[in-house]
Amino acid sequence: MKQLYRSPYEAYPFLCDTKDDLKCDFELLTDELASHTGLLRAKVAKCAEINPDINIEICEELCWICEIIYHLNPTLRTQLTVTTEECEQLKKKIDRLQNQAKDRCKKFVLPIGGELACEAHGLRVEAKKLVRLIYRYIEYGNEVPNLLLDIANLLSGYFFSLALVFNLYENVEEVPFISRNYK
């Protein structure tokens, strides 16, 4: 087998991990999710200057979410340091957003609307990718705390609910999606 070249400028020491060792993939996904959360936060701050309906406190909340995601980052390599209390806080934030967006979504909606909502929908999908990767990691015979799966799933729910609220703030109607396959 050919010797793997390791660049002295390697951006992250685990990038050369084998394909069946998903820890680095998990870390990259959480890094991407946190980075895009930071981008959404910047866009929210900018939009809040223009649209008084957009609550600037969401910026603080997105900063908290970003920190939670970064605390998840080393979990597969070390341990889960996000707490049950933080999971409960995240669930309460989702409940608050769902209450704000009540009756905007009965089943499925297209991931369209204002720019902030579309960014939040993208984050929702990234969180689902994280959940999928965790399940693959488990399939390889690894154990993870149930709380990790709960938080990753809740992150997807948070960003979905946030997308609905952003469309509400921007007076954008949700477009229901009726599947031709699932009835």
N, C-alpha and C. Protein backbone atom coordinates (compact mmCIF):
# COMPACT_ATOMS: atom_id res chain seq x y z
N MET A 1 0.85 -1.18 0.00
CA MET A 1 0.00 0.00 0.00
C MET A 1 0.89 1.24 0.00
N LYS A 2 0.49 2.21 -0.77
CA LYS A 2 1.25 3.44 -0.91
C LYS A 2 1.17 4.27 0.38
N GLN A 3 2.31 4.86 0.75
CA GLN A 3 2.37 5.72 1.93
C GLN A 3 1.56 7.00 1.69
N LEU A 4 0.71 7.35 2.62
CA LEU A 4 -0.11 8.55 2.52
C LEU A 4 0.74 9.78 2.80
N TYR A 5 0.68 10.74 1.90
CA TYR A 5 1.40 12.00 2.12
C TYR A 5 0.63 12.84 3.13
N ARG A 6 1.32 13.37 4.11
CA ARG A 6 0.73 14.27 5.11
C ARG A 6 1.36 15.63 4.94
N SER A 7 0.60 16.57 4.51
CA SER A 7 1.09 17.93 4.29
C SER A 7 1.50 18.56 5.62
N PRO A 8 2.62 19.27 5.63
CA PRO A 8 2.99 19.99 6.86
C PRO A 8 2.04 21.15 7.15
N TYR A 9 1.18 21.46 6.20
CA TYR A 9 0.22 22.57 6.34
C TYR A 9 -1.20 22.06 6.57
N GLU A 10 -1.31 20.83 6.96
CA GLU A 10 -2.62 20.22 7.14
C GLU A 10 -3.52 21.10 8.02
N ALA A 11 -4.72 21.35 7.51
CA ALA A 11 -5.65 22.27 8.18
C ALA A 11 -6.23 21.71 9.47
N TYR A 12 -6.24 20.40 9.60
CA TYR A 12 -6.83 19.76 10.78
C TYR A 12 -6.19 18.38 10.88
N PRO A 13 -5.71 18.00 12.03
CA PRO A 13 -4.90 16.76 12.11
C PRO A 13 -5.65 15.47 11.81
N PHE A 14 -6.97 15.49 11.78
CA PHE A 14 -7.72 14.25 11.58
C PHE A 14 -8.27 14.11 10.16
N LEU A 15 -7.91 15.00 9.26
CA LEU A 15 -8.43 14.97 7.90
C LEU A 15 -8.06 13.69 7.16
N CYS A 16 -6.99 13.03 7.57
CA CYS A 16 -6.56 11.81 6.89
C CYS A 16 -7.13 10.55 7.55
N ASP A 17 -8.04 10.70 8.49
CA ASP A 17 -8.67 9.52 9.10
C ASP A 17 -9.26 8.62 8.01
N THR A 18 -9.31 7.35 8.27
CA THR A 18 -9.86 6.41 7.30
C THR A 18 -11.35 6.67 7.08
N LYS A 19 -11.86 6.21 5.93
CA LYS A 19 -13.25 6.50 5.55
C LYS A 19 -14.28 5.90 6.50
N ASP A 20 -13.93 4.84 7.20
CA ASP A 20 -14.89 4.23 8.13
C ASP A 20 -14.80 4.82 9.54
N ASP A 21 -13.87 5.72 9.76
CA ASP A 21 -13.77 6.45 11.03
C ASP A 21 -14.47 7.78 10.83
N LEU A 22 -15.70 7.88 11.27
CA LEU A 22 -16.54 9.02 10.96
C LEU A 22 -16.39 10.20 11.92
N LYS A 23 -15.47 10.11 12.86
CA LYS A 23 -15.33 11.19 13.84
C LYS A 23 -14.99 12.52 13.17
N CYS A 24 -14.05 12.51 12.25
CA CYS A 24 -13.67 13.75 11.57
C CYS A 24 -14.83 14.29 10.74
N ASP A 25 -15.57 13.39 10.07
CA ASP A 25 -16.73 13.82 9.29
C ASP A 25 -17.75 14.52 10.20
N PHE A 26 -17.96 13.96 11.39
CA PHE A 26 -18.86 14.56 12.37
C PHE A 26 -18.36 15.95 12.76
N GLU A 27 -17.07 16.05 13.02
CA GLU A 27 -16.49 17.33 13.42
C GLU A 27 -16.60 18.37 12.31
N LEU A 28 -16.40 17.94 11.07
CA LEU A 28 -16.53 18.87 9.95
C LEU A 28 -17.98 19.31 9.78
N LEU A 29 -18.92 18.39 9.95
CA LEU A 29 -20.33 18.76 9.84
C LEU A 29 -20.76 19.73 10.94
N THR A 30 -20.30 19.49 12.16
CA THR A 30 -20.66 20.42 13.24
C THR A 30 -20.01 21.77 13.00
N ASP A 31 -18.79 21.78 12.48
CA ASP A 31 -18.11 23.04 12.17
C ASP A 31 -18.89 23.79 11.09
N GLU A 32 -19.33 23.07 10.06
CA GLU A 32 -20.11 23.69 8.99
C GLU A 32 -21.44 24.23 9.52
N LEU A 33 -22.10 23.44 10.35
CA LEU A 33 -23.37 23.86 10.93
C LEU A 33 -23.20 25.11 11.79
N ALA A 34 -22.15 25.13 12.60
CA ALA A 34 -21.88 26.31 13.43
C ALA A 34 -21.54 27.53 12.58
N SER A 35 -20.74 27.31 11.55
CA SER A 35 -20.36 28.44 10.68
C SER A 35 -21.57 29.04 9.97
N HIS A 36 -22.44 28.18 9.46
CA HIS A 36 -23.65 28.68 8.80
C HIS A 36 -24.62 29.31 9.79
N THR A 37 -24.60 28.84 11.03
CA THR A 37 -25.40 29.49 12.07
C THR A 37 -24.88 30.90 12.30
N GLY A 38 -23.56 31.05 12.31
CA GLY A 38 -22.96 32.38 12.45
C GLY A 38 -23.33 33.29 11.29
N LEU A 39 -23.37 32.74 10.08
CA LEU A 39 -23.77 33.53 8.92
C LEU A 39 -25.22 33.98 9.05
N LEU A 40 -26.08 33.06 9.47
CA LEU A 40 -27.49 33.42 9.67
C LEU A 40 -27.60 34.52 10.73
N ARG A 41 -26.83 34.40 11.78
CA ARG A 41 -26.85 35.41 12.84
C ARG A 41 -26.49 36.79 12.28
N ALA A 42 -25.47 36.85 11.43
CA ALA A 42 -25.07 38.13 10.83
C ALA A 42 -26.18 38.70 9.94
N LYS A 43 -26.85 37.82 9.21
CA LYS A 43 -27.94 38.27 8.35
C LYS A 43 -29.14 38.74 9.17
N VAL A 44 -29.40 38.07 10.27
CA VAL A 44 -30.49 38.49 11.15
C VAL A 44 -30.21 39.88 11.71
N ALA A 45 -28.98 40.10 12.15
CA ALA A 45 -28.61 41.43 12.70
C ALA A 45 -28.81 42.51 11.66
N LYS A 46 -28.42 42.23 10.44
CA LYS A 46 -28.57 43.21 9.35
C LYS A 46 -30.04 43.46 9.03
N CYS A 47 -30.83 42.40 8.96
CA CYS A 47 -32.26 42.53 8.66
C CYS A 47 -33.02 43.21 9.79
N ALA A 48 -32.57 43.00 11.01
CA ALA A 48 -33.25 43.60 12.17
C ALA A 48 -33.15 45.12 12.12
N GLU A 49 -32.12 45.64 11.49
CA GLU A 49 -31.98 47.09 11.34
C GLU A 49 -33.06 47.66 10.43
N ILE A 50 -33.52 46.83 9.48
CA ILE A 50 -34.49 47.26 8.47
C ILE A 50 -35.92 46.90 8.87
N ASN A 51 -36.10 45.70 9.39
CA ASN A 51 -37.42 45.18 9.71
C ASN A 51 -37.60 45.10 11.23
N PRO A 52 -38.42 45.99 11.79
CA PRO A 52 -38.59 46.00 13.25
C PRO A 52 -39.27 44.76 13.81
N ASP A 53 -39.91 43.96 12.94
CA ASP A 53 -40.55 42.72 13.40
C ASP A 53 -39.52 41.66 13.78
N ILE A 54 -38.34 41.75 13.17
CA ILE A 54 -37.31 40.75 13.44
C ILE A 54 -36.65 41.10 14.77
N ASN A 55 -36.80 40.20 15.70
CA ASN A 55 -36.33 40.40 17.06
C ASN A 55 -34.81 40.22 17.12
N ILE A 56 -34.11 41.26 17.50
CA ILE A 56 -32.65 41.21 17.57
C ILE A 56 -32.17 40.19 18.61
N GLU A 57 -33.05 39.83 19.55
CA GLU A 57 -32.69 38.82 20.55
C GLU A 57 -32.41 37.46 19.92
N ILE A 58 -32.92 37.25 18.71
CA ILE A 58 -32.63 36.00 18.00
C ILE A 58 -31.13 35.89 17.75
N CYS A 59 -30.45 37.03 17.60
CA CYS A 59 -28.99 37.01 17.42
C CYS A 59 -28.31 36.38 18.63
N GLU A 60 -28.74 36.75 19.81
CA GLU A 60 -28.17 36.15 21.03
C GLU A 60 -28.49 34.65 21.08
N GLU A 61 -29.69 34.31 20.71
CA GLU A 61 -30.09 32.91 20.71
C GLU A 61 -29.26 32.11 19.71
N LEU A 62 -29.02 32.67 18.52
CA LEU A 62 -28.21 31.97 17.52
C LEU A 62 -26.76 31.83 17.98
N CYS A 63 -26.28 32.78 18.73
CA CYS A 63 -24.93 32.66 19.31
C CYS A 63 -24.90 31.48 20.29
N TRP A 64 -25.94 31.36 21.09
CA TRP A 64 -26.04 30.23 22.04
C TRP A 64 -26.10 28.91 21.28
N ILE A 65 -26.90 28.87 20.23
CA ILE A 65 -27.02 27.66 19.40
C ILE A 65 -25.65 27.31 18.81
N CYS A 66 -24.94 28.31 18.32
CA CYS A 66 -23.61 28.10 17.75
C CYS A 66 -22.66 27.49 18.79
N GLU A 67 -22.71 27.98 20.00
CA GLU A 67 -21.88 27.43 21.07
C GLU A 67 -22.25 25.98 21.37
N ILE A 68 -23.54 25.69 21.41
CA ILE A 68 -23.99 24.31 21.66
C ILE A 68 -23.44 23.39 20.57
N ILE A 69 -23.53 23.82 19.32
CA ILE A 69 -23.03 23.01 18.21
C ILE A 69 -21.53 22.77 18.37
N TYR A 70 -20.79 23.80 18.74
CA TYR A 70 -19.34 23.63 18.93
C TYR A 70 -19.03 22.74 20.13
N HIS A 71 -19.88 22.76 21.14
CA HIS A 71 -19.69 21.83 22.26
C HIS A 71 -19.94 20.38 21.82
N LEU A 72 -20.82 20.20 20.83
CA LEU A 72 -21.05 18.86 20.29
C LEU A 72 -19.84 18.36 19.51
N ASN A 73 -19.10 19.28 18.90
CA ASN A 73 -18.05 18.95 17.95
C ASN A 73 -17.11 17.83 18.38
N PRO A 74 -16.51 17.85 19.57
CA PRO A 74 -15.56 16.78 19.92
C PRO A 74 -16.20 15.55 20.56
N THR A 75 -17.51 15.48 20.59
CA THR A 75 -18.21 14.43 21.34
C THR A 75 -17.77 13.02 20.96
N LEU A 76 -17.65 12.72 19.68
CA LEU A 76 -17.32 11.35 19.28
C LEU A 76 -15.88 10.99 19.64
N ARG A 77 -15.03 11.99 19.74
CA ARG A 77 -13.62 11.76 20.07
C ARG A 77 -13.37 11.78 21.58
N THR A 78 -14.22 12.50 22.29
CA THR A 78 -14.01 12.65 23.75
C THR A 78 -15.28 12.24 24.50
N GLN A 79 -16.09 13.21 24.82
CA GLN A 79 -17.34 12.95 25.55
C GLN A 79 -18.33 14.06 25.25
N LEU A 80 -19.60 13.78 25.51
CA LEU A 80 -20.65 14.78 25.34
C LEU A 80 -20.65 15.71 26.55
N THR A 81 -20.49 17.00 26.30
CA THR A 81 -20.50 17.96 27.40
C THR A 81 -21.74 18.85 27.40
N VAL A 82 -22.58 18.69 26.38
CA VAL A 82 -23.85 19.41 26.39
C VAL A 82 -24.75 18.69 27.40
N THR A 83 -25.46 19.46 28.18
CA THR A 83 -26.23 18.91 29.30
C THR A 83 -27.70 18.67 28.95
N THR A 84 -28.33 17.88 29.78
CA THR A 84 -29.77 17.65 29.66
C THR A 84 -30.52 18.97 29.80
N GLU A 85 -30.03 19.83 30.68
CA GLU A 85 -30.67 21.14 30.88
C GLU A 85 -30.60 21.97 29.61
N GLU A 86 -29.47 21.92 28.91
CA GLU A 86 -29.35 22.67 27.66
C GLU A 86 -30.26 22.09 26.59
N CYS A 87 -30.41 20.78 26.60
CA CYS A 87 -31.35 20.12 25.68
C CYS A 87 -32.76 20.61 25.97
N GLU A 88 -33.11 20.69 27.23
CA GLU A 88 -34.44 21.18 27.61
C GLU A 88 -34.62 22.64 27.22
N GLN A 89 -33.56 23.44 27.36
CA GLN A 89 -33.62 24.85 26.93
C GLN A 89 -33.89 24.92 25.42
N LEU A 90 -33.21 24.09 24.67
CA LEU A 90 -33.41 24.07 23.22
C LEU A 90 -34.85 23.69 22.88
N LYS A 91 -35.38 22.72 23.57
CA LYS A 91 -36.78 22.32 23.35
C LYS A 91 -37.73 23.47 23.67
N LYS A 92 -37.45 24.21 24.71
CA LYS A 92 -38.30 25.37 25.06
C LYS A 92 -38.22 26.45 24.00
N LYS A 93 -37.05 26.65 23.42
CA LYS A 93 -36.90 27.63 22.34
C LYS A 93 -37.72 27.20 21.13
N ILE A 94 -37.71 25.91 20.83
CA ILE A 94 -38.52 25.39 19.73
C ILE A 94 -40.00 25.60 20.03
N ASP A 95 -40.42 25.29 21.23
CA ASP A 95 -41.82 25.47 21.62
C ASP A 95 -42.24 26.93 21.45
N ARG A 96 -41.36 27.85 21.86
CA ARG A 96 -41.66 29.28 21.72
C ARG A 96 -41.82 29.66 20.24
N LEU A 97 -40.90 29.19 19.41
CA LEU A 97 -40.96 29.50 17.98
C LEU A 97 -42.21 28.88 17.35
N GLN A 98 -42.52 27.64 17.72
CA GLN A 98 -43.71 26.98 17.17
C GLN A 98 -44.98 27.71 17.59
N ASN A 99 -44.98 28.22 18.80
CA ASN A 99 -46.13 29.00 19.25
C ASN A 99 -46.27 30.28 18.44
N GLN A 100 -45.14 30.92 18.13
CA GLN A 100 -45.17 32.14 17.31
C GLN A 100 -45.68 31.83 15.90
N ALA A 101 -45.29 30.70 15.38
CA ALA A 101 -45.62 30.34 13.99
C ALA A 101 -46.86 29.47 13.89
N LYS A 102 -47.63 29.41 14.96
CA LYS A 102 -48.78 28.50 15.00
C LYS A 102 -49.63 28.63 13.73
N ASP A 103 -50.10 27.50 13.28
CA ASP A 103 -50.98 27.39 12.11
C ASP A 103 -50.31 27.74 10.78
N ARG A 104 -49.00 27.95 10.76
CA ARG A 104 -48.33 28.25 9.49
C ARG A 104 -47.94 26.98 8.74
N CYS A 105 -47.94 25.86 9.44
CA CYS A 105 -47.48 24.62 8.82
C CYS A 105 -48.31 23.47 9.35
N LYS A 106 -49.02 22.83 8.46
CA LYS A 106 -49.83 21.67 8.85
C LYS A 106 -49.04 20.37 8.68
N LYS A 107 -48.31 20.25 7.58
CA LYS A 107 -47.51 19.05 7.31
C LYS A 107 -46.18 19.47 6.73
N PHE A 108 -46.10 19.51 5.42
CA PHE A 108 -44.86 19.86 4.75
C PHE A 108 -45.01 21.20 4.03
N VAL A 109 -43.95 21.95 4.01
CA VAL A 109 -43.92 23.19 3.25
C VAL A 109 -42.67 23.18 2.38
N LEU A 110 -42.73 23.91 1.29
CA LEU A 110 -41.54 24.06 0.47
C LEU A 110 -40.51 24.90 1.22
N PRO A 111 -39.24 24.60 1.09
CA PRO A 111 -38.21 25.38 1.79
C PRO A 111 -37.90 26.68 1.05
N ILE A 112 -38.93 27.52 0.95
CA ILE A 112 -38.79 28.79 0.25
C ILE A 112 -39.29 29.91 1.15
N GLY A 113 -39.12 31.13 0.68
CA GLY A 113 -39.57 32.28 1.43
C GLY A 113 -38.52 33.36 1.40
N GLY A 114 -38.43 34.09 2.50
CA GLY A 114 -37.43 35.13 2.60
C GLY A 114 -36.04 34.55 2.77
N GLU A 115 -35.04 35.41 2.63
CA GLU A 115 -33.64 34.96 2.70
C GLU A 115 -33.33 34.30 4.05
N LEU A 116 -33.81 34.88 5.14
CA LEU A 116 -33.52 34.30 6.45
C LEU A 116 -34.16 32.93 6.60
N ALA A 117 -35.38 32.79 6.13
CA ALA A 117 -36.07 31.50 6.21
C ALA A 117 -35.33 30.46 5.38
N CYS A 118 -34.88 30.84 4.21
CA CYS A 118 -34.16 29.88 3.36
C CYS A 118 -32.85 29.45 4.00
N GLU A 119 -32.15 30.39 4.64
CA GLU A 119 -30.92 30.03 5.37
C GLU A 119 -31.24 29.06 6.51
N ALA A 120 -32.33 29.33 7.21
CA ALA A 120 -32.72 28.45 8.32
C ALA A 120 -33.09 27.06 7.80
N HIS A 121 -33.76 26.99 6.66
CA HIS A 121 -34.07 25.69 6.07
C HIS A 121 -32.79 24.94 5.71
N GLY A 122 -31.79 25.64 5.19
CA GLY A 122 -30.51 25.00 4.89
C GLY A 122 -29.87 24.43 6.14
N LEU A 123 -29.96 25.16 7.24
CA LEU A 123 -29.42 24.67 8.51
C LEU A 123 -30.20 23.46 9.02
N ARG A 124 -31.49 23.46 8.78
CA ARG A 124 -32.33 22.32 9.16
C ARG A 124 -31.82 21.05 8.48
N VAL A 125 -31.50 21.17 7.20
CA VAL A 125 -30.99 20.02 6.45
C VAL A 125 -29.61 19.61 6.97
N GLU A 126 -28.75 20.57 7.26
CA GLU A 126 -27.42 20.25 7.79
C GLU A 126 -27.54 19.49 9.11
N ALA A 127 -28.50 19.88 9.94
CA ALA A 127 -28.70 19.18 11.21
C ALA A 127 -29.17 17.75 10.95
N LYS A 128 -30.01 17.55 9.93
CA LYS A 128 -30.44 16.19 9.58
C LYS A 128 -29.26 15.36 9.09
N LYS A 129 -28.36 15.96 8.35
CA LYS A 129 -27.16 15.25 7.90
C LYS A 129 -26.33 14.80 9.11
N LEU A 130 -26.30 15.64 10.12
CA LEU A 130 -25.59 15.30 11.34
C LEU A 130 -26.23 14.08 12.01
N VAL A 131 -27.55 14.07 12.09
CA VAL A 131 -28.26 12.92 12.66
C VAL A 131 -27.94 11.67 11.87
N ARG A 132 -27.99 11.79 10.56
CA ARG A 132 -27.71 10.63 9.69
C ARG A 132 -26.30 10.10 9.92
N LEU A 133 -25.34 10.99 10.07
CA LEU A 133 -23.96 10.58 10.31
C LEU A 133 -23.83 9.87 11.66
N ILE A 134 -24.54 10.36 12.65
CA ILE A 134 -24.50 9.72 13.98
C ILE A 134 -25.03 8.29 13.87
N TYR A 135 -26.12 8.11 13.14
CA TYR A 135 -26.66 6.75 12.96
C TYR A 135 -25.68 5.85 12.23
N ARG A 136 -24.99 6.37 11.24
CA ARG A 136 -23.97 5.57 10.54
C ARG A 136 -22.84 5.21 11.49
N TYR A 137 -22.45 6.15 12.32
CA TYR A 137 -21.40 5.92 13.31
C TYR A 137 -21.81 4.78 14.26
N ILE A 138 -23.07 4.78 14.66
CA ILE A 138 -23.60 3.73 15.54
C ILE A 138 -23.60 2.39 14.79
N GLU A 139 -23.97 2.40 13.51
CA GLU A 139 -23.97 1.18 12.71
C GLU A 139 -22.59 0.51 12.66
N TYR A 140 -21.54 1.30 12.77
CA TYR A 140 -20.17 0.77 12.77
C TYR A 140 -19.81 0.16 14.13
N GLY A 141 -20.77 0.10 15.04
CA GLY A 141 -20.54 -0.54 16.32
C GLY A 141 -20.15 0.40 17.44
N ASN A 142 -20.24 1.69 17.20
CA ASN A 142 -19.88 2.68 18.22
C ASN A 142 -21.11 3.05 19.04
N GLU A 143 -20.86 3.45 20.26
CA GLU A 143 -21.95 3.91 21.12
C GLU A 143 -21.90 5.42 21.24
N VAL A 144 -23.07 6.02 21.31
CA VAL A 144 -23.18 7.46 21.56
C VAL A 144 -24.27 7.67 22.60
N PRO A 145 -24.17 8.73 23.36
CA PRO A 145 -25.24 9.02 24.32
C PRO A 145 -26.54 9.36 23.57
N ASN A 146 -27.64 8.89 24.08
CA ASN A 146 -28.95 9.22 23.49
C ASN A 146 -29.14 10.72 23.40
N LEU A 147 -28.60 11.44 24.36
CA LEU A 147 -28.73 12.89 24.38
C LEU A 147 -28.14 13.54 23.13
N LEU A 148 -27.09 12.97 22.59
CA LEU A 148 -26.49 13.50 21.36
C LEU A 148 -27.49 13.44 20.21
N LEU A 149 -28.16 12.31 20.07
CA LEU A 149 -29.19 12.19 19.03
C LEU A 149 -30.36 13.14 19.28
N ASP A 150 -30.74 13.28 20.54
CA ASP A 150 -31.83 14.20 20.87
C ASP A 150 -31.48 15.63 20.47
N ILE A 151 -30.29 16.06 20.82
CA ILE A 151 -29.89 17.44 20.53
C ILE A 151 -29.77 17.66 19.02
N ALA A 152 -29.16 16.73 18.32
CA ALA A 152 -29.00 16.88 16.87
C ALA A 152 -30.37 16.95 16.18
N ASN A 153 -31.31 16.11 16.62
CA ASN A 153 -32.67 16.17 16.05
C ASN A 153 -33.37 17.47 16.42
N LEU A 154 -33.19 17.92 17.65
CA LEU A 154 -33.80 19.18 18.07
C LEU A 154 -33.24 20.37 17.29
N LEU A 155 -31.97 20.31 16.93
CA LEU A 155 -31.39 21.40 16.13
C LEU A 155 -32.13 21.51 14.79
N SER A 156 -32.44 20.38 14.18
CA SER A 156 -33.20 20.41 12.93
C SER A 156 -34.58 21.04 13.17
N GLY A 157 -35.24 20.64 14.24
CA GLY A 157 -36.54 21.20 14.58
C GLY A 157 -36.47 22.69 14.88
N TYR A 158 -35.40 23.10 15.53
CA TYR A 158 -35.21 24.52 15.85
C TYR A 158 -35.13 25.34 14.56
N PHE A 159 -34.28 24.90 13.64
CA PHE A 159 -34.09 25.68 12.42
C PHE A 159 -35.35 25.66 11.55
N PHE A 160 -36.11 24.56 11.57
CA PHE A 160 -37.37 24.54 10.83
C PHE A 160 -38.34 25.56 11.42
N SER A 161 -38.48 25.55 12.73
CA SER A 161 -39.40 26.48 13.39
C SER A 161 -38.94 27.92 13.18
N LEU A 162 -37.64 28.13 13.20
CA LEU A 162 -37.09 29.47 12.96
C LEU A 162 -37.42 29.94 11.55
N ALA A 163 -37.34 29.04 10.57
CA ALA A 163 -37.69 29.39 9.19
C ALA A 163 -39.13 29.86 9.10
N LEU A 164 -40.03 29.15 9.79
CA LEU A 164 -41.44 29.55 9.78
C LEU A 164 -41.62 30.94 10.38
N VAL A 165 -40.91 31.20 11.48
CA VAL A 165 -41.02 32.51 12.14
C VAL A 165 -40.44 33.61 11.25
N PHE A 166 -39.32 33.34 10.60
CA PHE A 166 -38.75 34.35 9.70
C PHE A 166 -39.72 34.68 8.57
N ASN A 167 -40.37 33.68 8.00
CA ASN A 167 -41.35 33.96 6.95
C ASN A 167 -42.53 34.74 7.51
N LEU A 168 -42.90 34.45 8.74
CA LEU A 168 -43.97 35.22 9.39
C LEU A 168 -43.56 36.68 9.52
N TYR A 169 -42.35 36.93 10.00
CA TYR A 169 -41.85 38.29 10.16
C TYR A 169 -41.84 39.05 8.83
N GLU A 170 -41.53 38.32 7.77
CA GLU A 170 -41.42 38.97 6.47
C GLU A 170 -42.70 38.89 5.65
N ASN A 171 -43.80 38.47 6.32
CA ASN A 171 -45.11 38.36 5.67
C ASN A 171 -45.07 37.50 4.42
N VAL A 172 -44.33 36.40 4.49
CA VAL A 172 -44.24 35.45 3.38
C VAL A 172 -45.09 34.24 3.75
N GLU A 173 -46.02 33.91 2.88
CA GLU A 173 -46.87 32.75 3.12
C GLU A 173 -46.09 31.47 2.87
N GLU A 174 -46.33 30.48 3.70
CA GLU A 174 -45.74 29.17 3.47
C GLU A 174 -46.45 28.52 2.29
N VAL A 175 -45.69 27.79 1.49
CA VAL A 175 -46.27 27.08 0.36
C VAL A 175 -46.31 25.61 0.73
N PRO A 176 -47.52 25.07 0.95
CA PRO A 176 -47.62 23.66 1.31
C PRO A 176 -47.06 22.77 0.20
N PHE A 177 -46.48 21.66 0.61
CA PHE A 177 -46.01 20.67 -0.34
C PHE A 177 -46.86 19.43 -0.18
N ILE A 178 -47.51 19.04 -1.27
CA ILE A 178 -48.32 17.82 -1.29
C ILE A 178 -47.55 16.79 -2.11
N SER A 179 -47.09 15.78 -1.45
CA SER A 179 -46.27 14.76 -2.12
C SER A 179 -47.13 13.89 -3.04
N ARG A 180 -46.58 13.56 -4.19
CA ARG A 180 -47.23 12.61 -5.09
C ARG A 180 -46.96 11.17 -4.64
N ASN A 181 -45.99 10.99 -3.78
CA ASN A 181 -45.59 9.65 -3.33
C ASN A 181 -46.18 9.27 -1.99
N TYR A 182 -46.21 10.20 -1.06
CA TYR A 182 -46.70 9.91 0.28
C TYR A 182 -48.03 10.60 0.48
N LYS A 183 -49.02 9.82 0.82
CA LYS A 183 -50.37 10.41 1.00
C LYS A 183 -50.89 10.11 2.35
